[in-house]
Amino acid sequence: MATKLKRLSDQVIVITGASSGIGLATAEAAAKQGAKLVLAARSTGALNDVVGRITAAGGEAVAVTCDVADRAQVDHVAETAVARFGRIDTWVNNAGQGLYGRLEEVSEADSRRLFDINFWGVVNGSLAALPHLRKNGGALINVGSEVSEAYIPILGMYTATKHAVKGFTDALRVEVEDVDKAPVSITLIQPTAVDTPFPQHARNYMAQEPKLPTPQLEPAKAAEAILDAAVNPTRDRWVGLMSKVNTTVATLAPGLGDWMASKQANRQQYDEPPRHPEGALNQPSEATGVVGQTRGTGGREPK
């Protein structure tokens, strides 16, 4: 029997990484449609500001400071959701960080920290959510990337984390949906590059300020795909034309995919020094906002 999901206005939704970017866009869109929200991020101040705006507009939301790399903190998010609203209907594992640098240059410590957030954060969220979703039915939505199947230089370790997210999500889907026949829909969302503060939050080993390759997707499009999966059981979703193109080429014509990926090596930086090379990999950032910041001081162009 296909999993039946509630309409958004009847749902309690947990979103990790909700203080900026795709997570923030998803939270704001869900609030407008009447969902009750439990929003998690490391950035306490920024997260409280988001919840304040949502509640001031008549929505219901609660903030929980959480490092998704710590299973105990993630469990606390689930406990808070149940204590406040009585259940969890959809859990969105969105929290993630970037790491710009050649694979031979990035430190093992930073690489492991990236996996702790991007991969183990998804594992922790999934395992914390599943007992609640199994009980009453619901959706587990993991945010991967077009590089869950394709790949890109300079973001090589990030690519590896997103490949791992896809492998985990696909295996988990089979175990939960097909073997156990549990009333849970498990979805992998794979957006192309999205215009968010991702580059500003990333750890950067380059000598220039990082940026995402173009073209970039509006964050609202990624949020729309996530919320659609919250009400319509979905196996996976490529979001944005380039996600479909790059994934298909990488799968069906890998040699061409290699050539296309190589052309991105020099398109991921601006001609200016790094502004904050440490990023938010090892400490939270209170910077918020849905879209990316702009570069330079004059004639500034979007990220």
C-alpha atoms as a PDB file:
ATOM      1  CA  MET A   1       0.000   0.000   0.000  1.00  0.00           C
ATOM      2  CA  ALA A   2       1.373   3.438  -0.910  1.00  0.00           C
ATOM      3  CA  THR A   3       2.217   5.717   1.990  1.00  0.00           C
ATOM      4  CA  LYS A   4      -0.428   8.384   2.570  1.00  0.00           C
ATOM      5  CA  LEU A   5       0.922  11.748   3.652  1.00  0.00           C
ATOM      6  CA  LYS A   6      -0.939  14.646   5.260  1.00  0.00           C
ATOM      7  CA  ARG A   7      -1.444  18.029   3.684  1.00  0.00           C
ATOM      8  CA  LEU A   8       1.116  20.591   4.854  1.00  0.00           C
ATOM      9  CA  SER A   9      -1.368  22.506   6.984  1.00  0.00           C
ATOM     10  CA  ASP A  10      -1.821  19.388   9.129  1.00  0.00           C
ATOM     11  CA  GLN A  11       1.866  18.542   9.478  1.00  0.00           C
ATOM     12  CA  VAL A  12       4.586  18.894  12.085  1.00  0.00           C
ATOM     13  CA  ILE A  13       7.830  19.334  10.146  1.00  0.00           C
ATOM     14  CA  VAL A  14      11.401  19.195  11.444  1.00  0.00           C
ATOM     15  CA  ILE A  15      14.036  20.972   9.332  1.00  0.00           C
ATOM     16  CA  THR A  16      17.753  20.894  10.069  1.00  0.00           C
ATOM     17  CA  GLY A  17      20.006  23.645   8.786  1.00  0.00           C
ATOM     18  CA  ALA A  18      17.026  25.988   8.951  1.00  0.00           C
ATOM     19  CA  SER A  19      18.829  29.254   9.680  1.00  0.00           C
ATOM     20  CA  SER A  20      19.806  30.020   6.076  1.00  0.00           C
ATOM     21  CA  GLY A  21      19.679  28.904   2.460  1.00  0.00           C
ATOM     22  CA  ILE A  22      17.466  26.020   1.376  1.00  0.00           C
ATOM     23  CA  GLY A  23      16.479  25.198   4.960  1.00  0.00           C
ATOM     24  CA  LEU A  24      15.308  28.740   5.619  1.00  0.00           C
ATOM     25  CA  ALA A  25      13.447  28.920   2.311  1.00  0.00           C
ATOM     26  CA  THR A  26      11.712  25.636   3.122  1.00  0.00           C
ATOM     27  CA  ALA A  27      10.791  26.781   6.625  1.00  0.00           C
ATOM     28  CA  GLU A  28       9.309  30.045   5.387  1.00  0.00           C
ATOM     29  CA  ALA A  29       7.314  28.326   2.639  1.00  0.00           C
ATOM     30  CA  ALA A  30       6.016  25.637   4.998  1.00  0.00           C
ATOM     31  CA  ALA A  31       5.004  28.230   7.579  1.00  0.00           C
ATOM     32  CA  LYS A  32       2.981  30.115   4.973  1.00  0.00           C
ATOM     33  CA  GLN A  33       1.087  26.887   4.268  1.00  0.00           C
ATOM     34  CA  GLY A  34       0.246  26.339   7.930  1.00  0.00           C
ATOM     35  CA  ALA A  35       2.722  23.670   8.991  1.00  0.00           C
ATOM     36  CA  LYS A  36       3.976  23.535  12.567  1.00  0.00           C
ATOM     37  CA  LEU A  37       7.758  23.748  12.531  1.00  0.00           C
ATOM     38  CA  VAL A  38      10.697  22.555  14.604  1.00  0.00           C
ATOM     39  CA  LEU A  39      13.756  24.331  13.245  1.00  0.00           C
ATOM     40  CA  ALA A  40      17.289  23.207  14.050  1.00  0.00           C
ATOM     41  CA  ALA A  41      20.710  24.769  13.420  1.00  0.00           C
ATOM     42  CA  ARG A  42      23.927  25.575  15.265  1.00  0.00           C
ATOM     43  CA  SER A  43      23.336  29.322  14.878  1.00  0.00           C
ATOM     44  CA  THR A  44      21.198  30.132  17.910  1.00  0.00           C
ATOM     45  CA  GLY A  45      20.747  33.843  17.294  1.00  0.00           C
ATOM     46  CA  ALA A  46      19.926  33.526  13.608  1.00  0.00           C
ATOM     47  CA  LEU A  47      17.569  30.628  14.295  1.00  0.00           C
ATOM     48  CA  ASN A  48      15.707  32.563  16.987  1.00  0.00           C
ATOM     49  CA  ASP A  49      15.308  35.458  14.553  1.00  0.00           C
ATOM     50  CA  VAL A  50      13.756  33.101  11.994  1.00  0.00           C
ATOM     51  CA  VAL A  51      11.321  31.670  14.530  1.00  0.00           C
ATOM     52  CA  GLY A  52      10.481  35.189  15.689  1.00  0.00           C
ATOM     53  CA  ARG A  53       9.537  36.242  12.165  1.00  0.00           C
ATOM     54  CA  ILE A  54       7.431  33.140  11.611  1.00  0.00           C
ATOM     55  CA  THR A  55       5.523  33.473  14.890  1.00  0.00           C
ATOM     56  CA  ALA A  56       5.037  37.216  14.380  1.00  0.00           C
ATOM     57  CA  ALA A  57       3.323  36.375  11.097  1.00  0.00           C
ATOM     58  CA  GLY A  58       0.970  33.972  12.872  1.00  0.00           C
ATOM     59  CA  GLY A  59       2.863  30.720  12.337  1.00  0.00           C
ATOM     60  CA  GLU A  60       3.918  28.105  14.871  1.00  0.00           C
ATOM     61  CA  ALA A  61       7.608  27.318  15.184  1.00  0.00           C
ATOM     62  CA  VAL A  62      10.189  26.404  17.777  1.00  0.00           C
ATOM     63  CA  ALA A  63      13.977  26.719  17.575  1.00  0.00           C
ATOM     64  CA  VAL A  64      16.381  24.040  18.788  1.00  0.00           C
ATOM     65  CA  THR A  65      20.118  24.669  18.735  1.00  0.00           C
ATOM     66  CA  CYS A  66      21.695  21.542  17.292  1.00  0.00           C
ATOM     67  CA  ASP A  67      24.926  20.283  15.758  1.00  0.00           C
ATOM     68  CA  VAL A  68      23.689  17.424  13.589  1.00  0.00           C
ATOM     69  CA  ALA A  69      27.045  15.657  13.961  1.00  0.00           C
ATOM     70  CA  ASP A  70      26.085  14.910  17.590  1.00  0.00           C
ATOM     71  CA  ARG A  71      23.428  12.170  17.786  1.00  0.00           C
ATOM     72  CA  ALA A  72      22.361  13.218  21.287  1.00  0.00           C
ATOM     73  CA  GLN A  73      21.611  16.752  20.078  1.00  0.00           C
ATOM     74  CA  VAL A  74      19.621  15.389  17.140  1.00  0.00           C
ATOM     75  CA  ASP A  75      17.640  13.128  19.461  1.00  0.00           C
ATOM     76  CA  HIS A  76      16.856  16.228  21.519  1.00  0.00           C
ATOM     77  CA  VAL A  77      15.357  17.857  18.409  1.00  0.00           C
ATOM     78  CA  ALA A  78      13.019  14.881  17.974  1.00  0.00           C
ATOM     79  CA  GLU A  79      12.116  14.926  21.670  1.00  0.00           C
ATOM     80  CA  THR A  80      11.352  18.643  21.484  1.00  0.00           C
ATOM     81  CA  ALA A  81       9.067  18.127  18.478  1.00  0.00           C
ATOM     82  CA  VAL A  82       7.071  15.437  20.250  1.00  0.00           C
ATOM     83  CA  ALA A  83       6.929  17.362  23.523  1.00  0.00           C
ATOM     84  CA  ARG A  84       5.722  20.532  21.794  1.00  0.00           C
ATOM     85  CA  PHE A  85       3.465  19.180  19.055  1.00  0.00           C
ATOM     86  CA  GLY A  86       2.870  15.514  19.917  1.00  0.00           C
ATOM     87  CA  ARG A  87       4.341  13.941  16.777  1.00  0.00           C
ATOM     88  CA  ILE A  88       6.578  14.284  13.712  1.00  0.00           C
ATOM     89  CA  ASP A  89       5.046  14.051  10.227  1.00  0.00           C
ATOM     90  CA  THR A  90       8.014  15.070   8.075  1.00  0.00           C
ATOM     91  CA  TRP A  91      11.719  15.254   8.866  1.00  0.00           C
ATOM     92  CA  VAL A  92      14.008  17.156   6.473  1.00  0.00           C
ATOM     93  CA  ASN A  93      17.746  16.459   6.758  1.00  0.00           C
ATOM     94  CA  ASN A  94      19.038  19.616   5.107  1.00  0.00           C
ATOM     95  CA  ALA A  95      22.009  20.752   7.215  1.00  0.00           C
ATOM     96  CA  GLY A  96      25.264  20.749   5.307  1.00  0.00           C
ATOM     97  CA  GLN A  97      28.569  22.519   4.790  1.00  0.00           C
ATOM     98  CA  GLY A  98      31.024  23.027   1.930  1.00  0.00           C
ATOM     99  CA  LEU A  99      34.783  22.574   1.636  1.00  0.00           C
ATOM    100  CA  TYR A 100      36.641  24.268  -1.231  1.00  0.00           C
ATOM    101  CA  GLY A 101      40.093  22.911  -2.019  1.00  0.00           C
ATOM    102  CA  ARG A 102      41.952  20.243  -3.933  1.00  0.00           C
ATOM    103  CA  LEU A 103      41.697  16.781  -2.412  1.00  0.00           C
ATOM    104  CA  GLU A 104      45.457  16.614  -1.870  1.00  0.00           C
ATOM    105  CA  GLU A 105      45.407  19.891   0.061  1.00  0.00           C
ATOM    106  CA  VAL A 106      42.461  19.711   2.466  1.00  0.00           C
ATOM    107  CA  SER A 107      43.286  18.463   5.949  1.00  0.00           C
ATOM    108  CA  GLU A 108      42.053  15.140   7.246  1.00  0.00           C
ATOM    109  CA  ALA A 109      40.496  16.921  10.224  1.00  0.00           C
ATOM    110  CA  ASP A 110      38.430  19.213   7.998  1.00  0.00           C
ATOM    111  CA  SER A 111      37.460  16.325   5.717  1.00  0.00           C
ATOM    112  CA  ARG A 112      36.288  14.241   8.656  1.00  0.00           C
ATOM    113  CA  ARG A 113      34.372  17.186  10.084  1.00  0.00           C
ATOM    114  CA  LEU A 114      32.653  17.639   6.726  1.00  0.00           C
ATOM    115  CA  PHE A 115      31.571  13.981   6.763  1.00  0.00           C
ATOM    116  CA  ASP A 116      30.387  14.373  10.360  1.00  0.00           C
ATOM    117  CA  ILE A 117      28.009  17.136   9.258  1.00  0.00           C
ATOM    118  CA  ASN A 118      26.994  16.202   5.721  1.00  0.00           C
ATOM    119  CA  PHE A 119      26.852  12.408   6.033  1.00  0.00           C
ATOM    120  CA  TRP A 120      26.566  11.530   9.709  1.00  0.00           C
ATOM    121  CA  GLY A 121      24.164  14.428  10.183  1.00  0.00           C
ATOM    122  CA  VAL A 122      21.827  12.741   7.700  1.00  0.00           C
ATOM    123  CA  VAL A 123      22.312   9.372   9.384  1.00  0.00           C
ATOM    124  CA  ASN A 124      21.656  10.845  12.827  1.00  0.00           C
ATOM    125  CA  GLY A 125      18.548  12.685  11.659  1.00  0.00           C
ATOM    126  CA  SER A 126      17.185   9.662   9.835  1.00  0.00           C
ATOM    127  CA  LEU A 127      17.647   7.316  12.786  1.00  0.00           C
ATOM    128  CA  ALA A 128      16.210   9.836  15.229  1.00  0.00           C
ATOM    129  CA  ALA A 129      13.156  10.436  13.030  1.00  0.00           C
ATOM    130  CA  LEU A 130      12.293   6.916  11.909  1.00  0.00           C
ATOM    131  CA  PRO A 131      10.773   5.569  15.156  1.00  0.00           C
ATOM    132  CA  HIS A 132       8.335   8.494  15.133  1.00  0.00           C
ATOM    133  CA  LEU A 133       7.585   8.279  11.410  1.00  0.00           C
ATOM    134  CA  ARG A 134       7.042   4.510  11.578  1.00  0.00           C
ATOM    135  CA  LYS A 135       4.495   4.999  14.353  1.00  0.00           C
ATOM    136  CA  ASN A 136       2.105   7.323  12.540  1.00  0.00           C
ATOM    137  CA  GLY A 137       3.407   7.422   8.981  1.00  0.00           C
ATOM    138  CA  GLY A 138       5.270  10.286   7.370  1.00  0.00           C
ATOM    139  CA  ALA A 139       8.094  11.459   5.150  1.00  0.00           C
ATOM    140  CA  LEU A 140      11.851  11.402   5.603  1.00  0.00           C
ATOM    141  CA  ILE A 141      13.520  13.788   3.156  1.00  0.00           C
ATOM    142  CA  ASN A 142      17.289  13.885   2.722  1.00  0.00           C
ATOM    143  CA  VAL A 143      18.853  16.739   0.797  1.00  0.00           C
ATOM    144  CA  GLY A 144      21.637  15.484  -1.409  1.00  0.00           C
ATOM    145  CA  SER A 145      22.922  17.245  -4.509  1.00  0.00           C
ATOM    146  CA  GLU A 146      23.451  16.810  -8.215  1.00  0.00           C
ATOM    147  CA  VAL A 147      26.928  15.693  -7.087  1.00  0.00           C
ATOM    148  CA  SER A 148      25.315  12.741  -5.330  1.00  0.00           C
ATOM    149  CA  GLU A 149      25.758  11.163  -8.767  1.00  0.00           C
ATOM    150  CA  ALA A 150      27.810  13.687 -10.757  1.00  0.00           C
ATOM    151  CA  TYR A 151      31.016  15.288  -9.417  1.00  0.00           C
ATOM    152  CA  ILE A 152      33.013  18.489  -9.477  1.00  0.00           C
ATOM    153  CA  PRO A 153      36.654  19.396  -8.801  1.00  0.00           C
ATOM    154  CA  ILE A 154      37.607  21.756  -5.961  1.00  0.00           C
ATOM    155  CA  LEU A 155      34.530  20.489  -4.098  1.00  0.00           C
ATOM    156  CA  GLY A 156      35.763  16.898  -4.200  1.00  0.00           C
ATOM    157  CA  MET A 157      35.310  16.031  -0.532  1.00  0.00           C
ATOM    158  CA  TYR A 158      31.863  17.649  -0.569  1.00  0.00           C
ATOM    159  CA  THR A 159      31.067  15.469  -3.580  1.00  0.00           C
ATOM    160  CA  ALA A 160      32.156  12.393  -1.618  1.00  0.00           C
ATOM    161  CA  THR A 161      29.819  13.264   1.265  1.00  0.00           C
ATOM    162  CA  LYS A 162      26.871  13.645  -1.104  1.00  0.00           C
ATOM    163  CA  HIS A 163      27.631  10.329  -2.814  1.00  0.00           C
ATOM    164  CA  ALA A 164      27.547   8.786   0.659  1.00  0.00           C
ATOM    165  CA  VAL A 165      24.200  10.433   1.404  1.00  0.00           C
ATOM    166  CA  LYS A 166      22.720   8.882  -1.730  1.00  0.00           C
ATOM    167  CA  GLY A 167      24.027   5.407  -0.903  1.00  0.00           C
ATOM    168  CA  PHE A 168      22.667   5.590   2.642  1.00  0.00           C
ATOM    169  CA  THR A 169      19.304   6.976   1.552  1.00  0.00           C
ATOM    170  CA  ASP A 170      18.792   4.414  -1.209  1.00  0.00           C
ATOM    171  CA  ALA A 171      19.639   1.469   1.067  1.00  0.00           C
ATOM    172  CA  LEU A 172      17.480   2.855   3.875  1.00  0.00           C
ATOM    173  CA  ARG A 173      14.541   3.297   1.490  1.00  0.00           C
ATOM    174  CA  VAL A 174      14.675  -0.348   0.470  1.00  0.00           C
ATOM    175  CA  GLU A 175      14.893  -1.562   4.071  1.00  0.00           C
ATOM    176  CA  VAL A 176      12.061   0.646   5.353  1.00  0.00           C
ATOM    177  CA  GLU A 177       9.691   0.883   2.381  1.00  0.00           C
ATOM    178  CA  ASP A 178      10.217  -2.396   0.542  1.00  0.00           C
ATOM    179  CA  VAL A 179      11.371  -4.890   3.180  1.00  0.00           C
ATOM    180  CA  ASP A 180       9.460  -3.624   6.225  1.00  0.00           C
ATOM    181  CA  LYS A 181       6.531  -2.134   4.267  1.00  0.00           C
ATOM    182  CA  ALA A 182       6.545   0.707   6.799  1.00  0.00           C
ATOM    183  CA  PRO A 183       4.262   3.707   6.171  1.00  0.00           C
ATOM    184  CA  VAL A 184       7.238   6.000   5.548  1.00  0.00           C
ATOM    185  CA  SER A 185       8.196   7.761   2.323  1.00  0.00           C
ATOM    186  CA  ILE A 186      11.964   8.231   1.967  1.00  0.00           C
ATOM    187  CA  THR A 187      13.126  10.820  -0.550  1.00  0.00           C
ATOM    188  CA  LEU A 188      16.468  12.048  -1.875  1.00  0.00           C
ATOM    189  CA  ILE A 189      16.391  15.618  -3.190  1.00  0.00           C
ATOM    190  CA  GLN A 190      19.186  16.413  -5.670  1.00  0.00           C
ATOM    191  CA  PRO A 191      19.311  20.126  -6.542  1.00  0.00           C
ATOM    192  CA  THR A 192      21.776  21.734  -8.881  1.00  0.00           C
ATOM    193  CA  ALA A 193      23.823  24.679  -7.573  1.00  0.00           C
ATOM    194  CA  VAL A 194      21.442  26.882  -5.562  1.00  0.00           C
ATOM    195  CA  ASP A 195      21.915  30.606  -4.919  1.00  0.00           C
ATOM    196  CA  THR A 196      22.444  30.428  -1.140  1.00  0.00           C
ATOM    197  CA  PRO A 197      25.171  31.512   1.327  1.00  0.00           C
ATOM    198  CA  PHE A 198      26.859  28.110   0.780  1.00  0.00           C
ATOM    199  CA  PRO A 199      30.162  29.643  -0.450  1.00  0.00           C
ATOM    200  CA  GLN A 200      30.353  32.111   2.450  1.00  0.00           C
ATOM    201  CA  HIS A 201      29.783  29.338   4.994  1.00  0.00           C
ATOM    202  CA  ALA A 202      32.256  26.918   3.389  1.00  0.00           C
ATOM    203  CA  ARG A 203      35.793  26.181   4.572  1.00  0.00           C
ATOM    204  CA  ASN A 204      38.027  27.560   1.828  1.00  0.00           C
ATOM    205  CA  TYR A 205      41.581  26.480   0.972  1.00  0.00           C
ATOM    206  CA  MET A 206      41.723  28.522  -2.238  1.00  0.00           C
ATOM    207  CA  ALA A 207      43.565  31.824  -2.641  1.00  0.00           C
ATOM    208  CA  GLN A 208      40.370  33.461  -3.928  1.00  0.00           C
ATOM    209  CA  GLU A 209      36.853  34.015  -2.624  1.00  0.00           C
ATOM    210  CA  PRO A 210      34.713  30.970  -3.551  1.00  0.00           C
ATOM    211  CA  LYS A 211      31.528  30.918  -5.556  1.00  0.00           C
ATOM    212  CA  LEU A 212      29.166  28.330  -6.959  1.00  0.00           C
ATOM    213  CA  PRO A 213      29.185  27.551 -10.681  1.00  0.00           C
ATOM    214  CA  THR A 214      26.464  28.995 -12.851  1.00  0.00           C
ATOM    215  CA  PRO A 215      23.640  28.668 -13.651  1.00  0.00           C
ATOM    216  CA  GLN A 216      22.169  28.662 -10.168  1.00  0.00           C
ATOM    217  CA  LEU A 217      18.707  27.692  -8.994  1.00  0.00           C
ATOM    218  CA  GLU A 218      16.458  29.910  -6.893  1.00  0.00           C
ATOM    219  CA  PRO A 219      16.220  28.531  -3.319  1.00  0.00           C
ATOM    220  CA  ALA A 220      12.419  28.610  -3.592  1.00  0.00           C
ATOM    221  CA  LYS A 221      12.598  25.906  -6.279  1.00  0.00           C
ATOM    222  CA  ALA A 222      14.480  23.558  -3.973  1.00  0.00           C
ATOM    223  CA  ALA A 223      12.050  24.336  -1.145  1.00  0.00           C
ATOM    224  CA  GLU A 224       9.129  23.607  -3.448  1.00  0.00           C
ATOM    225  CA  ALA A 225      10.556  20.178  -4.311  1.00  0.00           C
ATOM    226  CA  ILE A 226      11.108  19.353  -0.635  1.00  0.00           C
ATOM    227  CA  LEU A 227       7.588  20.339   0.387  1.00  0.00           C
ATOM    228  CA  ASP A 228       6.072  18.483  -2.546  1.00  0.00           C
ATOM    229  CA  ALA A 229       7.826  15.331  -1.309  1.00  0.00           C
ATOM    230  CA  ALA A 230       6.320  15.995   2.126  1.00  0.00           C
ATOM    231  CA  VAL A 231       2.815  15.498   0.721  1.00  0.00           C
ATOM    232  CA  ASN A 232       3.415  13.247  -2.304  1.00  0.00           C
ATOM    233  CA  PRO A 233       5.514  10.101  -1.746  1.00  0.00           C
ATOM    234  CA  THR A 234       8.599  10.536  -3.930  1.00  0.00           C
ATOM    235  CA  ARG A 235      11.613   8.280  -4.434  1.00  0.00           C
ATOM    236  CA  ASP A 236      13.984  11.010  -5.583  1.00  0.00           C
ATOM    237  CA  ARG A 237      13.912  14.334  -7.363  1.00  0.00           C
ATOM    238  CA  TRP A 238      16.439  16.124  -9.543  1.00  0.00           C
ATOM    239  CA  VAL A 239      15.842  19.842  -9.070  1.00  0.00           C
ATOM    240  CA  GLY A 240      16.928  22.171 -11.829  1.00  0.00           C
ATOM    241  CA  LEU A 241      17.801  21.491 -15.458  1.00  0.00           C
ATOM    242  CA  MET A 242      21.550  21.206 -14.829  1.00  0.00           C
ATOM    243  CA  SER A 243      20.975  18.582 -12.154  1.00  0.00           C
ATOM    244  CA  LYS A 244      19.261  16.431 -14.762  1.00  0.00           C
ATOM    245  CA  VAL A 245      21.916  17.146 -17.402  1.00  0.00           C
ATOM    246  CA  ASN A 246      24.963  16.605 -15.190  1.00  0.00           C
ATOM    247  CA  THR A 247      23.582  13.481 -13.536  1.00  0.00           C
ATOM    248  CA  THR A 248      22.577  11.922 -16.840  1.00  0.00           C
ATOM    249  CA  VAL A 249      25.907  12.686 -18.496  1.00  0.00           C
ATOM    250  CA  ALA A 250      27.904  11.386 -15.529  1.00  0.00           C
ATOM    251  CA  THR A 251      25.930   8.145 -15.658  1.00  0.00           C
ATOM    252  CA  LEU A 252      25.624   7.526 -19.393  1.00  0.00           C
ATOM    253  CA  ALA A 253      28.709   9.285 -20.800  1.00  0.00           C
ATOM    254  CA  PRO A 254      31.284   9.433 -18.001  1.00  0.00           C
ATOM    255  CA  GLY A 255      34.121  10.528 -20.290  1.00  0.00           C
ATOM    256  CA  LEU A 256      32.097  13.545 -21.374  1.00  0.00           C
ATOM    257  CA  GLY A 257      31.155  14.070 -17.726  1.00  0.00           C
ATOM    258  CA  ASP A 258      34.841  14.233 -16.789  1.00  0.00           C
ATOM    259  CA  TRP A 259      35.484  16.855 -19.471  1.00  0.00           C
ATOM    260  CA  MET A 260      32.473  18.924 -18.402  1.00  0.00           C
ATOM    261  CA  ALA A 261      33.492  18.751 -14.741  1.00  0.00           C
ATOM    262  CA  SER A 262      37.042  19.861 -15.551  1.00  0.00           C
ATOM    263  CA  LYS A 263      35.678  23.084 -17.032  1.00  0.00           C
ATOM    264  CA  GLN A 264      34.288  24.015 -13.597  1.00  0.00           C
ATOM    265  CA  ALA A 265      37.697  24.054 -11.892  1.00  0.00           C
ATOM    266  CA  ASN A 266      38.329  27.727 -12.653  1.00  0.00           C
ATOM    267  CA  ARG A 267      34.722  28.867 -12.375  1.00  0.00           C
ATOM    268  CA  GLN A 268      34.428  28.521  -8.612  1.00  0.00           C
ATOM    269  CA  GLN A 269      36.227  31.620  -7.428  1.00  0.00           C
ATOM    270  CA  TYR A 270      36.099  35.382  -7.753  1.00  0.00           C
ATOM    271  CA  ASP A 271      39.177  37.487  -8.484  1.00  0.00           C
ATOM    272  CA  GLU A 272      39.505  38.685  -4.912  1.00  0.00           C
ATOM    273  CA  PRO A 273      41.090  37.347  -1.711  1.00  0.00           C
ATOM    274  CA  PRO A 274      39.062  35.094   0.605  1.00  0.00           C
ATOM    275  CA  ARG A 275      36.874  37.003   3.033  1.00  0.00           C
ATOM    276  CA  HIS A 276      36.417  34.317   5.653  1.00  0.00           C
ATOM    277  CA  PRO A 277      38.370  31.188   4.714  1.00  0.00           C
ATOM    278  CA  GLU A 278      37.547  29.348   7.953  1.00  0.00           C
ATOM    279  CA  GLY A 279      33.844  29.511   7.103  1.00  0.00           C
ATOM    280  CA  ALA A 280      31.347  27.795   9.382  1.00  0.00           C
ATOM    281  CA  LEU A 281      32.735  24.278   9.211  1.00  0.00           C
ATOM    282  CA  ASN A 282      34.069  24.219  12.752  1.00  0.00           C
ATOM    283  CA  GLN A 283      31.989  26.976  14.330  1.00  0.00           C
ATOM    284  CA  PRO A 284      28.462  28.251  13.792  1.00  0.00           C
ATOM    285  CA  SER A 285      27.783  31.366  11.767  1.00  0.00           C
ATOM    286  CA  GLU A 286      25.116  33.832  12.742  1.00  0.00           C
ATOM    287  CA  ALA A 287      24.861  34.989   9.122  1.00  0.00           C
ATOM    288  CA  THR A 288      21.440  34.179   7.772  1.00  0.00           C
ATOM    289  CA  GLY A 289      19.448  34.773   4.608  1.00  0.00           C
ATOM    290  CA  VAL A 290      18.053  32.643   1.824  1.00  0.00           C
ATOM    291  CA  VAL A 291      20.218  33.787  -1.081  1.00  0.00           C
ATOM    292  CA  GLY A 292      23.975  34.157  -1.384  1.00  0.00           C
ATOM    293  CA  GLN A 293      25.883  37.317  -0.576  1.00  0.00           C
ATOM    294  CA  THR A 294      27.447  39.435  -3.291  1.00  0.00           C
ATOM    295  CA  ARG A 295      31.104  39.970  -4.020  1.00  0.00           C
ATOM    296  CA  GLY A 296      33.341  42.994  -3.975  1.00  0.00           C
ATOM    297  CA  THR A 297      32.317  46.558  -3.236  1.00  0.00           C
ATOM    298  CA  GLY A 298      31.139  47.915  -6.562  1.00  0.00           C
ATOM    299  CA  GLY A 299      29.312  46.328  -9.461  1.00  0.00           C
ATOM    300  CA  ARG A 300      28.777  43.337  -7.221  1.00  0.00           C
ATOM    301  CA  GLU A 301      27.522  40.151  -8.780  1.00  0.00           C
ATOM    302  CA  PRO A 302      25.490  37.431  -7.097  1.00  0.00           C
ATOM    303  CA  LYS A 303      26.879  34.116  -5.954  1.00  0.00           C
END
